[in-house]
Amino acid sequence: MKFSEYLKDHTYSLLLQISCAVALSILLWGTGTSRDLVLIILASWLVIAVLFYFLAYRKQKHYFDELDDIMEHLDNKYLFV
């Protein structure tokens, strides 16, 4: 599994994250929050989202690699086709 495939599978989740970030920034700017504070909040959101997706990808990749390793060592591989 490649990271690009993982991101493709989570396209709707990523679009939701981006939409919420844009909505939040518009709301904050509309209420008079300073530009610097809005940028800090968006940067924090970005770091947390990237970290979340990367860790979830690694967990899923580890699971599929382990599953692939188990499948490689089976005696009767034809039973799982």
Protein backbone atom coordinates (compact mmCIF):
# COMPACT_ATOMS: atom_id res chain seq x y z
CA MET A 1 0.00 0.00 0.00
CA LYS A 2 1.30 3.41 -0.97
CA PHE A 3 0.59 6.62 0.89
CA SER A 4 -1.03 8.08 -2.25
CA GLU A 5 -3.46 5.13 -2.35
CA TYR A 6 -4.27 5.68 1.31
CA LEU A 7 -5.01 9.36 0.67
CA LYS A 8 -7.19 8.42 -2.31
CA ASP A 9 -9.22 6.15 -0.03
CA HIS A 10 -9.68 9.01 2.44
CA THR A 11 -10.53 11.74 -0.09
CA TYR A 12 -13.89 12.60 1.49
CA SER A 13 -12.37 12.84 4.93
CA LEU A 14 -9.64 15.15 3.61
CA LEU A 15 -12.20 17.32 1.83
CA LEU A 16 -14.21 17.55 5.04
CA GLN A 17 -11.08 18.61 6.94
CA ILE A 18 -10.30 21.30 4.37
CA SER A 19 -13.90 22.54 4.33
CA CYS A 20 -14.00 22.80 8.11
CA ALA A 21 -10.67 24.61 8.19
CA VAL A 22 -11.90 27.14 5.62
CA ALA A 23 -15.20 27.61 7.47
CA LEU A 24 -13.37 28.10 10.76
CA SER A 25 -11.00 30.66 9.28
CA ILE A 26 -13.91 32.60 7.74
CA LEU A 27 -15.77 32.52 11.06
CA LEU A 28 -12.73 33.68 13.00
CA TRP A 29 -11.92 36.48 10.56
CA GLY A 30 -15.58 37.51 10.59
CA THR A 31 -15.56 37.87 14.36
CA GLY A 32 -12.48 40.06 14.29
CA THR A 33 -9.80 37.58 15.31
CA SER A 34 -6.34 38.70 14.29
CA ARG A 35 -4.84 37.27 11.12
CA ASP A 36 -1.83 35.89 12.99
CA LEU A 37 -3.98 33.96 15.44
CA VAL A 38 -6.06 32.47 12.61
CA LEU A 39 -2.87 31.36 10.84
CA ILE A 40 -1.55 29.76 14.04
CA ILE A 41 -4.82 27.88 14.50
CA LEU A 42 -4.80 26.69 10.88
CA ALA A 43 -1.14 25.65 11.11
CA SER A 44 -1.90 23.69 14.28
CA TRP A 45 -4.86 22.05 12.58
CA LEU A 46 -2.66 21.12 9.62
CA VAL A 47 0.06 19.60 11.79
CA ILE A 48 -2.46 17.55 13.78
CA ALA A 49 -4.25 16.35 10.62
CA VAL A 50 -1.01 15.37 8.87
CA LEU A 51 0.20 13.55 11.97
CA PHE A 52 -3.14 11.73 12.32
CA TYR A 53 -3.23 10.59 8.69
CA PHE A 54 0.42 9.53 8.74
CA LEU A 55 0.03 7.47 11.92
CA ALA A 56 -3.20 5.89 10.68
CA TYR A 57 -1.45 5.04 7.41
CA ARG A 58 1.46 3.40 9.22
CA LYS A 59 -0.92 1.37 11.38
CA GLN A 60 -2.90 0.17 8.37
CA LYS A 61 0.25 -0.54 6.36
CA HIS A 62 1.69 -2.59 9.23
CA TYR A 63 -1.56 -4.57 9.43
CA PHE A 64 -1.58 -5.34 5.69
CA ASP A 65 2.14 -6.17 5.64
CA GLU A 66 1.60 -8.61 8.49
CA LEU A 67 -1.40 -10.11 6.70
CA ASP A 68 0.65 -10.47 3.52
CA ASP A 69 3.44 -12.17 5.46
CA ILE A 70 0.96 -14.64 6.97
CA MET A 71 -0.48 -15.38 3.53
CA GLU A 72 3.00 -16.02 2.14
CA HIS A 73 3.73 -18.66 4.76
CA LEU A 74 0.52 -20.65 4.36
CA ASP A 75 0.77 -24.24 3.20
CA ASN A 76 -2.52 -24.28 1.29
CA LYS A 77 -2.58 -20.86 -0.37
CA TYR A 78 -5.20 -21.95 -2.84
CA LEU A 79 -7.82 -22.00 -0.11
CA PHE A 80 -7.80 -18.18 0.10
CA VAL A 81 -8.17 -17.33 -3.57
